[in-house]
């Protein structure tokens, strides 16, 4: 069985893409919700990006 390697994203790049890309907003929300992609958990930021 092959090892599953999670996708990782650059948060700064996502913030730039989020201006026009709903998927980038979702990934940012999830990143802050779950402390993924090198950011600390921040539920306020997570809600902000989910709502965008």
PDB file of N, CA and C in Angstrom:
ATOM      1  N   UNK A   1       0.833  -1.171   0.000  1.00  0.00           N
ATOM      2  CA  UNK A   1       0.000   0.000   0.000  1.00  0.00           C
ATOM      3  C   UNK A   1       0.886   1.246   0.000  1.00  0.00           C
ATOM      4  N   UNK A   2       0.547   2.213  -0.830  1.00  0.00           N
ATOM      5  CA  UNK A   2       1.318   3.440  -0.904  1.00  0.00           C
ATOM      6  C   UNK A   2       0.972   4.362   0.257  1.00  0.00           C
ATOM      7  N   UNK A   3       1.974   5.139   0.660  1.00  0.00           N
ATOM      8  CA  UNK A   3       1.776   6.112   1.725  1.00  0.00           C
ATOM      9  C   UNK A   3       0.946   7.282   1.196  1.00  0.00           C
ATOM     10  N   UNK A   4       0.008   7.743   1.981  1.00  0.00           N
ATOM     11  CA  UNK A   4      -0.799   8.898   1.605  1.00  0.00           C
ATOM     12  C   UNK A   4      -0.071  10.152   2.070  1.00  0.00           C
ATOM     13  N   UNK A   5       0.218  11.029   1.132  1.00  0.00           N
ATOM     14  CA  UNK A   5       0.914  12.263   1.441  1.00  0.00           C
ATOM     15  C   UNK A   5      -0.085  13.416   1.320  1.00  0.00           C
ATOM     16  N   UNK A   6      -0.327  14.136   2.419  1.00  0.00           N
ATOM     17  CA  UNK A   6      -1.314  15.218   2.362  1.00  0.00           C
ATOM     18  C   UNK A   6      -0.820  16.383   1.506  1.00  0.00           C
ATOM     19  N   UNK A   7      -1.757  17.070   0.892  1.00  0.00           N
ATOM     20  CA  UNK A   7      -1.423  18.273   0.142  1.00  0.00           C
ATOM     21  C   UNK A   7      -1.107  19.389   1.123  1.00  0.00           C
ATOM     22  N   UNK A   8      -0.131  20.192   0.786  1.00  0.00           N
ATOM     23  CA  UNK A   8       0.171  21.365   1.597  1.00  0.00           C
ATOM     24  C   UNK A   8       0.108  22.591   0.702  1.00  0.00           C
ATOM     25  N   UNK A   9      -0.264  23.702   1.290  1.00  0.00           N
ATOM     26  CA  UNK A   9      -0.463  24.933   0.541  1.00  0.00           C
ATOM     27  C   UNK A   9       0.302  26.072   1.200  1.00  0.00           C
ATOM     28  N   UNK A  10       0.746  27.014   0.406  1.00  0.00           N
ATOM     29  CA  UNK A  10       1.381  28.221   0.901  1.00  0.00           C
ATOM     30  C   UNK A  10       0.272  29.222   1.227  1.00  0.00           C
ATOM     31  N   UNK A  11       0.142  29.578   2.479  1.00  0.00           N
ATOM     32  CA  UNK A  11      -0.953  30.433   2.931  1.00  0.00           C
ATOM     33  C   UNK A  11      -0.892  31.809   2.264  1.00  0.00           C
ATOM     34  N   UNK A  12       0.283  32.354   2.092  1.00  0.00           N
ATOM     35  CA  UNK A  12       0.405  33.675   1.448  1.00  0.00           C
ATOM     36  C   UNK A  12      -0.116  33.620   0.014  1.00  0.00           C
ATOM     37  N   UNK A  13       0.213  32.551  -0.704  1.00  0.00           N
ATOM     38  CA  UNK A  13      -0.304  32.390  -2.070  1.00  0.00           C
ATOM     39  C   UNK A  13      -1.823  32.245  -2.067  1.00  0.00           C
ATOM     40  N   UNK A  14      -2.337  31.503  -1.096  1.00  0.00           N
ATOM     41  CA  UNK A  14      -3.787  31.313  -1.001  1.00  0.00           C
ATOM     42  C   UNK A  14      -4.502  32.627  -0.734  1.00  0.00           C
ATOM     43  N   UNK A  15      -3.923  33.464   0.115  1.00  0.00           N
ATOM     44  CA  UNK A  15      -4.558  34.750   0.406  1.00  0.00           C
ATOM     45  C   UNK A  15      -4.650  35.599  -0.854  1.00  0.00           C
ATOM     46  N   UNK A  16      -3.653  35.524  -1.702  1.00  0.00           N
ATOM     47  CA  UNK A  16      -3.674  36.246  -2.981  1.00  0.00           C
ATOM     48  C   UNK A  16      -4.755  35.667  -3.903  1.00  0.00           C
ATOM     49  N   UNK A  17      -4.830  34.350  -3.974  1.00  0.00           N
ATOM     50  CA  UNK A  17      -5.810  33.682  -4.836  1.00  0.00           C
ATOM     51  C   UNK A  17      -7.234  33.858  -4.327  1.00  0.00           C
ATOM     52  N   UNK A  18      -7.391  34.033  -3.024  1.00  0.00           N
ATOM     53  CA  UNK A  18      -8.723  34.093  -2.419  1.00  0.00           C
ATOM     54  C   UNK A  18      -9.525  35.303  -2.887  1.00  0.00           C
ATOM     55  N   UNK A  19      -8.867  36.275  -3.489  1.00  0.00           N
ATOM     56  CA  UNK A  19      -9.592  37.440  -4.012  1.00  0.00           C
ATOM     57  C   UNK A  19     -10.599  37.033  -5.087  1.00  0.00           C
ATOM     58  N   UNK A  20     -10.283  35.960  -5.807  1.00  0.00           N
ATOM     59  CA  UNK A  20     -11.140  35.550  -6.927  1.00  0.00           C
ATOM     60  C   UNK A  20     -11.461  34.067  -6.930  1.00  0.00           C
ATOM     61  N   UNK A  21     -11.059  33.327  -5.902  1.00  0.00           N
ATOM     62  CA  UNK A  21     -11.196  31.869  -5.931  1.00  0.00           C
ATOM     63  C   UNK A  21     -11.818  31.365  -4.631  1.00  0.00           C
ATOM     64  N   UNK A  22     -13.037  30.881  -4.717  1.00  0.00           N
ATOM     65  CA  UNK A  22     -13.736  30.371  -3.546  1.00  0.00           C
ATOM     66  C   UNK A  22     -13.061  29.166  -2.920  1.00  0.00           C
ATOM     67  N   UNK A  23     -12.428  28.330  -3.733  1.00  0.00           N
ATOM     68  CA  UNK A  23     -11.739  27.162  -3.187  1.00  0.00           C
ATOM     69  C   UNK A  23     -10.565  27.602  -2.313  1.00  0.00           C
ATOM     70  N   UNK A  24      -9.860  28.643  -2.719  1.00  0.00           N
ATOM     71  CA  UNK A  24      -8.761  29.168  -1.906  1.00  0.00           C
ATOM     72  C   UNK A  24      -9.297  29.660  -0.560  1.00  0.00           C
ATOM     73  N   UNK A  25     -10.467  30.289  -0.562  1.00  0.00           N
ATOM     74  CA  UNK A  25     -11.085  30.743   0.693  1.00  0.00           C
ATOM     75  C   UNK A  25     -11.382  29.552   1.606  1.00  0.00           C
ATOM     76  N   UNK A  26     -11.916  28.492   1.026  1.00  0.00           N
ATOM     77  CA  UNK A  26     -12.232  27.296   1.809  1.00  0.00           C
ATOM     78  C   UNK A  26     -10.958  26.688   2.397  1.00  0.00           C
ATOM     79  N   UNK A  27      -9.916  26.585   1.590  1.00  0.00           N
ATOM     80  CA  UNK A  27      -8.663  25.989   2.063  1.00  0.00           C
ATOM     81  C   UNK A  27      -8.063  26.843   3.183  1.00  0.00           C
ATOM     82  N   UNK A  28      -8.148  28.162   3.057  1.00  0.00           N
ATOM     83  CA  UNK A  28      -7.680  29.036   4.135  1.00  0.00           C
ATOM     84  C   UNK A  28      -8.503  28.813   5.402  1.00  0.00           C
ATOM     85  N   UNK A  29      -9.814  28.731   5.253  1.00  0.00           N
ATOM     86  CA  UNK A  29     -10.669  28.470   6.412  1.00  0.00           C
ATOM     87  C   UNK A  29     -10.298  27.171   7.084  1.00  0.00           C
ATOM     88  N   UNK A  30     -10.106  26.150   6.301  1.00  0.00           N
ATOM     89  CA  UNK A  30      -9.732  24.843   6.857  1.00  0.00           C
ATOM     90  C   UNK A  30      -8.347  24.901   7.502  1.00  0.00           C
ATOM     91  N   UNK A  31      -7.440  25.628   6.876  1.00  0.00           N
ATOM     92  CA  UNK A  31      -6.088  25.738   7.426  1.00  0.00           C
ATOM     93  C   UNK A  31      -6.125  26.338   8.826  1.00  0.00           C
ATOM     94  N   UNK A  32      -6.855  27.433   8.975  1.00  0.00           N
ATOM     95  CA  UNK A  32      -6.942  28.080  10.285  1.00  0.00           C
ATOM     96  C   UNK A  32      -7.802  27.280  11.260  1.00  0.00           C
ATOM     97  N   UNK A  33      -8.773  26.568  10.774  1.00  0.00           N
ATOM     98  CA  UNK A  33      -9.637  25.743  11.615  1.00  0.00           C
ATOM     99  C   UNK A  33      -8.855  24.571  12.210  1.00  0.00           C
ATOM    100  N   UNK A  34      -8.002  23.959  11.402  1.00  0.00           N
ATOM    101  CA  UNK A  34      -7.319  22.726  11.799  1.00  0.00           C
ATOM    102  C   UNK A  34      -5.825  22.898  12.061  1.00  0.00           C
ATOM    103  N   UNK A  35      -5.339  24.124  12.040  1.00  0.00           N
ATOM    104  CA  UNK A  35      -3.911  24.400  12.237  1.00  0.00           C
ATOM    105  C   UNK A  35      -3.065  23.634  11.214  1.00  0.00           C
ATOM    106  N   UNK A  36      -3.455  23.739   9.953  1.00  0.00           N
ATOM    107  CA  UNK A  36      -2.729  23.084   8.863  1.00  0.00           C
ATOM    108  C   UNK A  36      -1.940  24.125   8.075  1.00  0.00           C
ATOM    109  N   UNK A  37      -1.055  23.656   7.237  1.00  0.00           N
ATOM    110  CA  UNK A  37      -0.275  24.489   6.323  1.00  0.00           C
ATOM    111  C   UNK A  37       0.576  25.542   7.031  1.00  0.00           C
ATOM    112  N   UNK A  38       1.037  25.192   8.219  1.00  0.00           N
ATOM    113  CA  UNK A  38       1.982  26.051   8.921  1.00  0.00           C
ATOM    114  C   UNK A  38       1.390  27.222   9.673  1.00  0.00           C
ATOM    115  N   UNK A  39       0.079  27.243   9.867  1.00  0.00           N
ATOM    116  CA  UNK A  39      -0.528  28.327  10.641  1.00  0.00           C
ATOM    117  C   UNK A  39      -1.062  27.779  11.962  1.00  0.00           C
ATOM    118  N   UNK A  40      -1.123  28.653  12.955  1.00  0.00           N
ATOM    119  CA  UNK A  40      -1.714  28.278  14.234  1.00  0.00           C
ATOM    120  C   UNK A  40      -3.231  28.286  14.097  1.00  0.00           C
ATOM    121  N   UNK A  41      -3.889  27.523  14.944  1.00  0.00           N
ATOM    122  CA  UNK A  41      -5.352  27.525  14.921  1.00  0.00           C
ATOM    123  C   UNK A  41      -5.855  28.901  15.323  1.00  0.00           C
ATOM    124  N   UNK A  42      -6.756  29.430  14.507  1.00  0.00           N
ATOM    125  CA  UNK A  42      -7.359  30.741  14.759  1.00  0.00           C
ATOM    126  C   UNK A  42      -8.789  30.662  14.239  1.00  0.00           C
ATOM    127  N   UNK A  43      -9.712  30.425  15.156  1.00  0.00           N
ATOM    128  CA  UNK A  43     -11.096  30.182  14.743  1.00  0.00           C
ATOM    129  C   UNK A  43     -11.754  31.426  14.157  1.00  0.00           C
ATOM    130  N   UNK A  44     -11.344  32.607  14.590  1.00  0.00           N
ATOM    131  CA  UNK A  44     -11.903  33.832  14.002  1.00  0.00           C
ATOM    132  C   UNK A  44     -11.505  33.957  12.534  1.00  0.00           C
ATOM    133  N   UNK A  45     -10.247  33.696  12.236  1.00  0.00           N
ATOM    134  CA  UNK A  45      -9.800  33.735  10.841  1.00  0.00           C
ATOM    135  C   UNK A  45     -10.461  32.621  10.035  1.00  0.00           C
ATOM    136  N   UNK A  46     -10.629  31.457  10.657  1.00  0.00           N
ATOM    137  CA  UNK A  46     -11.280  30.343   9.963  1.00  0.00           C
ATOM    138  C   UNK A  46     -12.697  30.744   9.536  1.00  0.00           C
ATOM    139  N   UNK A  47     -13.455  31.305  10.450  1.00  0.00           N
ATOM    140  CA  UNK A  47     -14.823  31.728  10.132  1.00  0.00           C
ATOM    141  C   UNK A  47     -14.817  32.793   9.042  1.00  0.00           C
ATOM    142  N   UNK A  48     -13.895  33.745   9.145  1.00  0.00           N
ATOM    143  CA  UNK A  48     -13.797  34.790   8.127  1.00  0.00           C
ATOM    144  C   UNK A  48     -13.618  34.177   6.735  1.00  0.00           C
ATOM    145  N   UNK A  49     -12.664  33.264   6.606  1.00  0.00           N
ATOM    146  CA  UNK A  49     -12.399  32.696   5.279  1.00  0.00           C
ATOM    147  C   UNK A  49     -13.503  31.757   4.822  1.00  0.00           C
ATOM    148  N   UNK A  50     -14.119  31.024   5.726  1.00  0.00           N
ATOM    149  CA  UNK A  50     -15.264  30.191   5.341  1.00  0.00           C
ATOM    150  C   UNK A  50     -16.403  31.067   4.797  1.00  0.00           C
ATOM    151  N   UNK A  51     -16.630  32.207   5.428  1.00  0.00           N
ATOM    152  CA  UNK A  51     -17.727  33.091   4.981  1.00  0.00           C
ATOM    153  C   UNK A  51     -17.431  33.781   3.663  1.00  0.00           C
ATOM    154  N   UNK A  52     -16.159  33.961   3.343  1.00  0.00           N
ATOM    155  CA  UNK A  52     -15.804  34.604   2.081  1.00  0.00           C
ATOM    156  C   UNK A  52     -16.236  33.711   0.928  1.00  0.00           C
TER     157      UNK A  52
END
